[in-house]
């Protein structure tokens, strides 16, 4: 079977992706990509026109519970174990500068 992707095409893709690859990696990646492309081609051969496209191999059914309000913690109870609280909220250390 003829290679689906050449070494030169891999080098071109590497340049477009701004990846520095060695000569040895070109050969390695060409082989790996060839296997991937052949596998995708085989899947395309199996797909039949009479089979509808699906997102899963088995039917899925979502099961939702009714959205019923339940008792929950008050703001004071939720903040009672916080190491630091300010104006009714958890206070956490700043991780980003204010400059955008």
Protein backbone atom coordinates (compact mmCIF):
# COMPACT_ATOMS: atom_id res chain seq x y z
CA UNK A 1 0.00 0.00 0.00
CA UNK A 2 1.32 3.45 -0.90
CA UNK A 3 2.16 5.83 1.93
CA UNK A 4 -0.70 8.26 2.57
CA UNK A 5 1.63 11.06 3.68
CA UNK A 6 5.16 11.77 2.57
CA UNK A 7 8.15 12.95 4.53
CA UNK A 8 7.99 16.26 2.66
CA UNK A 9 4.36 16.75 3.64
CA UNK A 10 5.25 16.11 7.27
CA UNK A 11 8.06 18.67 7.00
CA UNK A 12 5.62 21.15 5.46
CA UNK A 13 3.10 20.57 8.27
CA UNK A 14 5.88 21.01 10.84
CA UNK A 15 6.87 24.35 9.27
CA UNK A 16 3.24 25.53 9.24
CA UNK A 17 2.94 24.51 12.89
CA UNK A 18 6.29 26.12 13.69
CA UNK A 19 7.61 22.87 15.09
CA UNK A 20 11.29 22.07 14.94
CA UNK A 21 11.64 18.41 13.98
CA UNK A 22 14.73 16.36 13.25
CA UNK A 23 15.26 14.20 10.18
CA UNK A 24 14.65 11.11 12.31
CA UNK A 25 11.40 12.58 13.65
CA UNK A 26 10.22 13.30 10.09
CA UNK A 27 10.48 9.60 9.28
CA UNK A 28 8.87 8.60 12.57
CA UNK A 29 5.98 11.08 12.23
CA UNK A 30 5.39 10.16 8.58
CA UNK A 31 4.94 6.53 9.61
CA UNK A 32 2.66 7.40 12.52
CA UNK A 33 0.52 9.77 10.46
CA UNK A 34 0.31 7.19 7.70
CA UNK A 35 -1.14 4.66 10.15
CA UNK A 36 -3.67 7.23 11.39
CA UNK A 37 -4.74 8.21 7.87
CA UNK A 38 -5.09 4.56 6.81
CA UNK A 39 -7.25 3.87 9.88
CA UNK A 40 -9.51 6.82 9.08
CA UNK A 41 -9.79 5.63 5.46
CA UNK A 42 -10.81 2.15 6.67
CA UNK A 43 -13.54 3.63 8.83
CA UNK A 44 -14.78 5.56 5.80
CA UNK A 45 -14.96 2.33 3.81
CA UNK A 46 -17.10 0.65 6.46
CA UNK A 47 -19.60 3.49 6.76
CA UNK A 48 -22.70 2.62 4.77
CA UNK A 49 -25.24 5.01 3.26
CA UNK A 50 -28.14 3.17 4.90
CA UNK A 51 -26.74 3.65 8.41
CA UNK A 52 -27.63 7.02 9.97
CA UNK A 53 -24.82 8.99 11.61
CA UNK A 54 -24.75 8.75 15.40
CA UNK A 55 -22.76 10.25 18.22
CA UNK A 56 -22.75 7.02 20.28
CA UNK A 57 -22.79 3.34 19.46
CA UNK A 58 -25.72 2.68 21.80
CA UNK A 59 -28.85 4.77 22.35
CA UNK A 60 -28.60 7.14 25.29
CA UNK A 61 -31.42 8.49 27.39
CA UNK A 62 -30.94 11.39 29.74
CA UNK A 63 -32.59 10.93 33.09
CA UNK A 64 -33.32 14.15 34.91
CA UNK A 65 -34.82 14.59 38.31
CA UNK A 66 -37.37 17.28 38.97
CA UNK A 67 -35.77 20.55 39.99
CA UNK A 68 -37.25 20.94 43.45
CA UNK A 69 -35.90 23.59 45.83
CA UNK A 70 -34.25 22.02 48.88
CA UNK A 71 -33.15 23.58 52.15
CA UNK A 72 -29.56 24.77 51.97
CA UNK A 73 -27.00 26.62 54.03
CA UNK A 74 -27.51 30.24 54.89
CA UNK A 75 -24.82 32.70 53.82
CA UNK A 76 -23.52 32.87 57.39
CA UNK A 77 -23.38 29.06 57.66
CA UNK A 78 -21.55 28.75 54.35
CA UNK A 79 -18.97 31.36 55.39
CA UNK A 80 -18.60 30.06 58.97
CA UNK A 81 -15.63 27.82 58.09
CA UNK A 82 -13.96 30.24 55.67
CA UNK A 83 -10.43 31.28 56.62
CA UNK A 84 -11.24 34.79 55.37
CA UNK A 85 -14.54 36.39 54.39
CA UNK A 86 -15.35 39.92 53.25
CA UNK A 87 -18.73 41.50 52.55
CA UNK A 88 -20.51 38.15 52.60
CA UNK A 89 -18.09 36.41 50.22
CA UNK A 90 -15.07 34.15 50.43
CA UNK A 91 -11.87 36.15 50.24
CA UNK A 92 -9.08 34.43 48.32
CA UNK A 93 -5.57 35.52 47.38
CA UNK A 94 -5.29 37.51 44.15
CA UNK A 95 -3.80 35.48 41.30
CA UNK A 96 -4.09 37.98 38.46
CA UNK A 97 -3.05 41.58 38.13
CA UNK A 98 -5.81 44.11 37.70
CA UNK A 99 -4.31 45.21 34.38
CA UNK A 100 -5.93 43.55 31.38
